[in-house]
Amino acid sequence: QVHIVESGGGLAQPGSSLRLSCEASGLTLDYVTVAWFRQAPGKEREGLSCISNSAGSIVYADSVKGRFTISRDDDKNTVYLQMKLLQPEDTATYYCAAAHGDWRYPPPTSEYDFWGQGTQVVVSS
């Protein structure tokens, strides 16, 4: 019943921008915490950002802070990741995941029960 679909990935030049979308069905964003992860070839999965309905709950990893922005549109049941000043090091498969509950701080990775299939981002000239 719960489905998460990421989109918006593709090929981007260094310094450019992309916006990833995470559309969720079968759940309400007000009662879940949504996060973006990425995994590059040969590297471990990295948590990038998470957002919940609680104020002050948005958190960013140091590697993307100041360049990436997470937001949500409750009417569309969609969470976005606006990526600016993309670098080759940002090349990875990006995943969206949802954890049950309105967390005020990042939940453990094990709490994310719902995952999308991922969307690939390649940053290259």
N, C-alpha and C. Protein backbone atom coordinates (compact mmCIF):
# COMPACT_ATOMS: atom_id res chain seq x y z
N GLN A 1 0.82 -1.20 0.00
CA GLN A 1 0.00 0.00 0.00
C GLN A 1 0.86 1.26 0.00
N VAL A 2 1.98 1.23 0.69
CA VAL A 2 2.88 2.37 0.75
C VAL A 2 3.86 2.29 -0.42
N HIS A 3 3.93 3.35 -1.18
CA HIS A 3 4.83 3.43 -2.31
C HIS A 3 5.56 4.76 -2.28
N ILE A 4 6.85 4.70 -2.53
CA ILE A 4 7.68 5.89 -2.61
C ILE A 4 8.41 5.86 -3.94
N VAL A 5 8.31 6.95 -4.68
CA VAL A 5 8.90 7.03 -6.01
C VAL A 5 9.74 8.29 -6.10
N GLU A 6 11.03 8.11 -6.40
CA GLU A 6 11.92 9.24 -6.62
C GLU A 6 12.00 9.56 -8.11
N SER A 7 12.25 10.81 -8.41
CA SER A 7 12.44 11.23 -9.78
C SER A 7 13.28 12.50 -9.80
N GLY A 8 13.73 12.88 -10.98
CA GLY A 8 14.46 14.12 -11.14
C GLY A 8 15.95 13.96 -11.35
N GLY A 9 16.46 12.75 -11.25
CA GLY A 9 17.87 12.54 -11.46
C GLY A 9 18.24 12.64 -12.93
N GLY A 10 19.53 12.62 -13.17
CA GLY A 10 20.02 12.70 -14.53
C GLY A 10 21.45 13.17 -14.57
N LEU A 11 21.87 13.61 -15.74
CA LEU A 11 23.22 14.11 -15.95
C LEU A 11 23.25 15.61 -15.76
N ALA A 12 24.19 16.09 -14.97
CA ALA A 12 24.32 17.51 -14.69
C ALA A 12 25.78 17.92 -14.77
N GLN A 13 26.01 19.13 -15.21
CA GLN A 13 27.36 19.67 -15.25
C GLN A 13 27.75 20.22 -13.88
N PRO A 14 29.03 20.19 -13.56
CA PRO A 14 29.47 20.79 -12.29
C PRO A 14 29.02 22.24 -12.18
N GLY A 15 28.52 22.59 -11.00
CA GLY A 15 28.04 23.93 -10.75
C GLY A 15 26.57 24.15 -11.05
N SER A 16 25.93 23.18 -11.67
CA SER A 16 24.52 23.31 -12.02
C SER A 16 23.64 22.78 -10.90
N SER A 17 22.33 22.76 -11.15
CA SER A 17 21.35 22.38 -10.14
C SER A 17 20.42 21.30 -10.66
N LEU A 18 19.91 20.52 -9.74
CA LEU A 18 18.86 19.54 -10.00
C LEU A 18 17.91 19.54 -8.82
N ARG A 19 16.66 19.22 -9.08
CA ARG A 19 15.69 19.05 -8.02
C ARG A 19 15.13 17.64 -8.07
N LEU A 20 15.32 16.91 -7.00
CA LEU A 20 14.79 15.57 -6.88
C LEU A 20 13.43 15.62 -6.20
N SER A 21 12.55 14.72 -6.61
CA SER A 21 11.22 14.63 -6.03
C SER A 21 11.01 13.26 -5.42
N CYS A 22 10.31 13.23 -4.31
CA CYS A 22 9.96 12.00 -3.64
C CYS A 22 8.46 12.03 -3.40
N GLU A 23 7.73 11.29 -4.21
CA GLU A 23 6.28 11.25 -4.08
C GLU A 23 5.87 10.01 -3.29
N ALA A 24 5.11 10.22 -2.25
CA ALA A 24 4.69 9.14 -1.37
C ALA A 24 3.19 8.92 -1.49
N SER A 25 2.80 7.67 -1.48
CA SER A 25 1.39 7.30 -1.47
C SER A 25 1.17 6.25 -0.38
N GLY A 26 -0.03 6.21 0.13
CA GLY A 26 -0.34 5.27 1.19
C GLY A 26 0.05 5.73 2.58
N LEU A 27 0.49 6.97 2.71
CA LEU A 27 0.83 7.55 4.00
C LEU A 27 0.65 9.05 3.94
N THR A 28 0.61 9.65 5.10
CA THR A 28 0.48 11.10 5.22
C THR A 28 1.78 11.66 5.76
N LEU A 29 2.28 12.68 5.11
CA LEU A 29 3.57 13.24 5.50
C LEU A 29 3.57 13.81 6.91
N ASP A 30 2.42 14.21 7.40
CA ASP A 30 2.34 14.78 8.75
C ASP A 30 2.71 13.78 9.83
N TYR A 31 2.64 12.50 9.51
CA TYR A 31 2.87 11.47 10.52
C TYR A 31 4.11 10.64 10.25
N VAL A 32 4.96 11.11 9.36
CA VAL A 32 6.20 10.40 9.05
C VAL A 32 7.35 11.39 8.98
N THR A 33 8.54 10.86 9.09
CA THR A 33 9.76 11.60 8.85
C THR A 33 10.37 11.09 7.55
N VAL A 34 10.71 11.98 6.66
CA VAL A 34 11.23 11.62 5.34
C VAL A 34 12.68 12.06 5.24
N ALA A 35 13.49 11.22 4.64
CA ALA A 35 14.91 11.51 4.52
C ALA A 35 15.40 11.17 3.12
N TRP A 36 16.47 11.84 2.73
CA TRP A 36 17.19 11.53 1.51
C TRP A 36 18.52 10.89 1.86
N PHE A 37 18.84 9.83 1.16
CA PHE A 37 20.12 9.15 1.26
C PHE A 37 20.74 9.08 -0.12
N ARG A 38 22.02 8.79 -0.15
CA ARG A 38 22.68 8.52 -1.42
C ARG A 38 23.75 7.47 -1.22
N GLN A 39 24.05 6.78 -2.30
CA GLN A 39 25.10 5.79 -2.27
C GLN A 39 25.87 5.85 -3.58
N ALA A 40 27.14 6.15 -3.46
CA ALA A 40 28.03 6.19 -4.62
C ALA A 40 28.70 4.83 -4.78
N PRO A 41 29.13 4.51 -5.99
CA PRO A 41 29.80 3.22 -6.21
C PRO A 41 30.99 3.05 -5.29
N GLY A 42 31.04 1.92 -4.61
CA GLY A 42 32.15 1.61 -3.73
C GLY A 42 32.11 2.31 -2.39
N LYS A 43 31.05 3.04 -2.09
CA LYS A 43 30.96 3.76 -0.84
C LYS A 43 29.71 3.34 -0.07
N GLU A 44 29.71 3.62 1.22
CA GLU A 44 28.58 3.30 2.06
C GLU A 44 27.44 4.30 1.82
N ARG A 45 26.24 3.86 2.16
CA ARG A 45 25.10 4.74 2.07
C ARG A 45 25.25 5.91 3.03
N GLU A 46 24.92 7.09 2.56
CA GLU A 46 25.11 8.31 3.32
C GLU A 46 23.78 9.02 3.50
N GLY A 47 23.43 9.36 4.72
CA GLY A 47 22.26 10.16 4.98
C GLY A 47 22.54 11.62 4.68
N LEU A 48 21.64 12.26 3.95
CA LEU A 48 21.85 13.64 3.51
C LEU A 48 21.01 14.65 4.28
N SER A 49 19.74 14.34 4.45
CA SER A 49 18.84 15.30 5.05
C SER A 49 17.55 14.61 5.44
N CYS A 50 16.87 15.16 6.43
CA CYS A 50 15.58 14.64 6.81
C CYS A 50 14.67 15.78 7.21
N ILE A 51 13.37 15.53 7.13
CA ILE A 51 12.38 16.55 7.43
C ILE A 51 11.15 15.89 8.02
N SER A 52 10.55 16.54 8.99
CA SER A 52 9.31 16.07 9.58
C SER A 52 8.37 17.25 9.75
N ASN A 53 7.23 17.01 10.34
CA ASN A 53 6.25 18.07 10.55
C ASN A 53 6.61 18.96 11.73
N SER A 54 7.61 18.58 12.52
CA SER A 54 7.99 19.34 13.69
C SER A 54 8.92 20.49 13.30
N ALA A 55 8.73 21.63 13.93
CA ALA A 55 9.60 22.77 13.70
C ALA A 55 11.01 22.46 14.18
N GLY A 56 11.99 22.91 13.41
CA GLY A 56 13.37 22.69 13.77
C GLY A 56 13.85 21.28 13.55
N SER A 57 13.12 20.49 12.79
CA SER A 57 13.48 19.10 12.59
C SER A 57 14.33 18.85 11.35
N ILE A 58 14.54 19.86 10.54
CA ILE A 58 15.33 19.70 9.32
C ILE A 58 16.79 19.59 9.68
N VAL A 59 17.45 18.59 9.15
CA VAL A 59 18.85 18.33 9.42
C VAL A 59 19.56 18.04 8.11
N TYR A 60 20.79 18.53 7.97
CA TYR A 60 21.60 18.30 6.79
C TYR A 60 22.94 17.71 7.19
N ALA A 61 23.45 16.85 6.32
CA ALA A 61 24.81 16.38 6.48
C ALA A 61 25.78 17.50 6.12
N ASP A 62 26.95 17.50 6.73
CA ASP A 62 27.93 18.55 6.47
C ASP A 62 28.33 18.60 5.00
N SER A 63 28.32 17.46 4.34
CA SER A 63 28.76 17.41 2.96
C SER A 63 27.85 18.16 2.00
N VAL A 64 26.61 18.41 2.41
CA VAL A 64 25.65 19.06 1.52
C VAL A 64 25.07 20.33 2.12
N LYS A 65 25.40 20.64 3.35
CA LYS A 65 24.85 21.82 4.01
C LYS A 65 25.26 23.08 3.26
N GLY A 66 24.27 23.93 2.99
CA GLY A 66 24.51 25.15 2.25
C GLY A 66 24.32 25.01 0.76
N ARG A 67 24.28 23.77 0.26
CA ARG A 67 24.08 23.53 -1.16
C ARG A 67 22.75 22.84 -1.45
N PHE A 68 22.35 21.94 -0.57
CA PHE A 68 21.11 21.18 -0.75
C PHE A 68 20.05 21.71 0.19
N THR A 69 18.81 21.70 -0.27
CA THR A 69 17.68 22.16 0.53
C THR A 69 16.55 21.15 0.43
N ILE A 70 16.06 20.71 1.57
CA ILE A 70 14.93 19.79 1.59
C ILE A 70 13.66 20.58 1.89
N SER A 71 12.58 20.19 1.26
CA SER A 71 11.31 20.85 1.47
C SER A 71 10.20 19.84 1.20
N ARG A 72 8.98 20.24 1.51
CA ARG A 72 7.86 19.34 1.28
C ARG A 72 6.64 20.12 0.82
N ASP A 73 5.80 19.44 0.07
CA ASP A 73 4.53 19.97 -0.39
C ASP A 73 3.47 18.99 0.06
N ASP A 74 2.77 19.32 1.13
CA ASP A 74 1.80 18.39 1.70
C ASP A 74 0.62 18.14 0.75
N ASP A 75 0.25 19.14 -0.03
CA ASP A 75 -0.86 18.96 -0.97
C ASP A 75 -0.53 17.91 -2.01
N LYS A 76 0.73 17.85 -2.41
CA LYS A 76 1.16 16.87 -3.40
C LYS A 76 1.76 15.63 -2.76
N ASN A 77 1.84 15.61 -1.43
CA ASN A 77 2.44 14.49 -0.71
C ASN A 77 3.84 14.18 -1.24
N THR A 78 4.61 15.24 -1.42
CA THR A 78 5.91 15.12 -2.06
C THR A 78 6.96 15.87 -1.25
N VAL A 79 8.12 15.27 -1.15
CA VAL A 79 9.30 15.89 -0.55
C VAL A 79 10.32 16.13 -1.65
N TYR A 80 10.97 17.26 -1.60
CA TYR A 80 11.94 17.64 -2.61
C TYR A 80 13.33 17.77 -2.02
N LEU A 81 14.31 17.60 -2.88
CA LEU A 81 15.69 17.89 -2.53
C LEU A 81 16.25 18.76 -3.64
N GLN A 82 16.38 20.05 -3.35
CA GLN A 82 16.96 20.99 -4.30
C GLN A 82 18.47 20.96 -4.13
N MET A 83 19.17 20.59 -5.19
CA MET A 83 20.61 20.44 -5.15
C MET A 83 21.23 21.53 -6.02
N LYS A 84 22.09 22.33 -5.42
CA LYS A 84 22.78 23.41 -6.11
C LYS A 84 24.29 23.19 -6.07
N LEU A 85 24.97 23.86 -6.99
CA LEU A 85 26.43 23.78 -7.05
C LEU A 85 26.90 22.33 -7.01
N LEU A 86 26.33 21.55 -7.88
CA LEU A 86 26.65 20.13 -7.91
C LEU A 86 28.12 19.91 -8.25
N GLN A 87 28.68 18.91 -7.64
CA GLN A 87 30.07 18.54 -7.82
C GLN A 87 30.15 17.09 -8.27
N PRO A 88 31.25 16.72 -8.92
CA PRO A 88 31.40 15.31 -9.31
C PRO A 88 31.25 14.35 -8.13
N GLU A 89 31.63 14.78 -6.94
CA GLU A 89 31.50 13.95 -5.75
C GLU A 89 30.05 13.68 -5.37
N ASP A 90 29.12 14.42 -5.95
CA ASP A 90 27.70 14.19 -5.69
C ASP A 90 27.13 13.06 -6.53
N THR A 91 27.91 12.54 -7.43
CA THR A 91 27.45 11.43 -8.27
C THR A 91 27.11 10.23 -7.41
N ALA A 92 25.88 9.77 -7.51
CA ALA A 92 25.40 8.67 -6.67
C ALA A 92 23.97 8.34 -7.06
N THR A 93 23.48 7.25 -6.51
CA THR A 93 22.07 6.95 -6.57
C THR A 93 21.41 7.53 -5.32
N TYR A 94 20.38 8.32 -5.52
CA TYR A 94 19.72 9.01 -4.42
C TYR A 94 18.43 8.30 -4.07
N TYR A 95 18.23 8.04 -2.79
CA TYR A 95 17.08 7.31 -2.29
C TYR A 95 16.27 8.18 -1.33
N CYS A 96 14.99 8.00 -1.38
CA CYS A 96 14.08 8.62 -0.43
C CYS A 96 13.53 7.53 0.48
N ALA A 97 13.40 7.84 1.76
CA ALA A 97 12.91 6.87 2.72
C ALA A 97 12.03 7.56 3.75
N ALA A 98 11.10 6.80 4.32
CA ALA A 98 10.17 7.33 5.31
C ALA A 98 10.18 6.48 6.56
N ALA A 99 10.17 7.15 7.70
CA ALA A 99 10.09 6.49 8.99
C ALA A 99 8.79 6.87 9.66
N HIS A 100 8.19 5.92 10.36
CA HIS A 100 6.96 6.20 11.06
C HIS A 100 7.21 7.15 12.23
N GLY A 101 6.36 8.15 12.35
CA GLY A 101 6.44 9.06 13.46
C GLY A 101 6.94 10.43 13.07
N ASP A 102 6.49 11.41 13.82
CA ASP A 102 6.90 12.80 13.62
C ASP A 102 8.12 13.06 14.50
N TRP A 103 9.27 12.66 14.02
CA TRP A 103 10.52 12.81 14.78
C TRP A 103 10.99 14.24 14.81
N ARG A 104 11.51 14.66 15.94
CA ARG A 104 12.08 16.00 16.08
C ARG A 104 13.61 15.97 15.92
N TYR A 105 14.16 14.82 15.68
CA TYR A 105 15.58 14.64 15.43
C TYR A 105 15.72 13.45 14.50
N PRO A 106 16.87 13.30 13.84
CA PRO A 106 17.00 12.21 12.88
C PRO A 106 16.82 10.84 13.53
N PRO A 107 15.91 10.04 13.03
CA PRO A 107 15.76 8.69 13.58
C PRO A 107 16.87 7.77 13.11
N PRO A 108 17.08 6.67 13.80
CA PRO A 108 18.07 5.69 13.33
C PRO A 108 17.68 5.17 11.95
N THR A 109 18.67 4.81 11.17
CA THR A 109 18.41 4.32 9.82
C THR A 109 17.47 3.12 9.84
N SER A 110 17.55 2.32 10.88
CA SER A 110 16.70 1.14 10.99
C SER A 110 15.22 1.49 11.10
N GLU A 111 14.90 2.72 11.45
CA GLU A 111 13.52 3.14 11.58
C GLU A 111 12.85 3.41 10.24
N TYR A 112 13.64 3.54 9.20
CA TYR A 112 13.08 3.81 7.88
C TYR A 112 12.60 2.50 7.26
N ASP A 113 11.30 2.32 7.28
CA ASP A 113 10.70 1.08 6.79
C ASP A 113 10.31 1.15 5.32
N PHE A 114 10.21 2.34 4.78
CA PHE A 114 9.74 2.52 3.41
C PHE A 114 10.80 3.22 2.59
N TRP A 115 11.17 2.59 1.48
CA TRP A 115 12.23 3.09 0.61
C TRP A 115 11.77 3.12 -0.83
N GLY A 116 12.26 4.12 -1.56
CA GLY A 116 12.04 4.15 -2.98
C GLY A 116 13.10 3.35 -3.71
N GLN A 117 12.98 3.31 -5.02
CA GLN A 117 13.90 2.54 -5.85
C GLN A 117 15.16 3.31 -6.20
N GLY A 118 15.17 4.61 -5.98
CA GLY A 118 16.34 5.42 -6.22
C GLY A 118 16.30 6.11 -7.58
N THR A 119 16.99 7.22 -7.66
CA THR A 119 17.18 7.93 -8.91
C THR A 119 18.65 8.32 -9.01
N GLN A 120 19.24 8.09 -10.17
CA GLN A 120 20.67 8.27 -10.34
C GLN A 120 21.00 9.70 -10.75
N VAL A 121 22.04 10.23 -10.11
CA VAL A 121 22.56 11.55 -10.43
C VAL A 121 24.01 11.39 -10.85
N VAL A 122 24.34 11.91 -12.01
CA VAL A 122 25.71 11.89 -12.51
C VAL A 122 26.13 13.33 -12.76
N VAL A 123 27.19 13.76 -12.11
CA VAL A 123 27.72 15.11 -12.27
C VAL A 123 29.05 15.00 -12.99
N SER A 124 29.08 15.47 -14.21
CA SER A 124 30.28 15.34 -15.03
C SER A 124 30.24 16.37 -16.14
N SER A 125 31.41 16.81 -16.55
CA SER A 125 31.52 17.73 -17.66
C SER A 125 31.72 17.00 -18.97
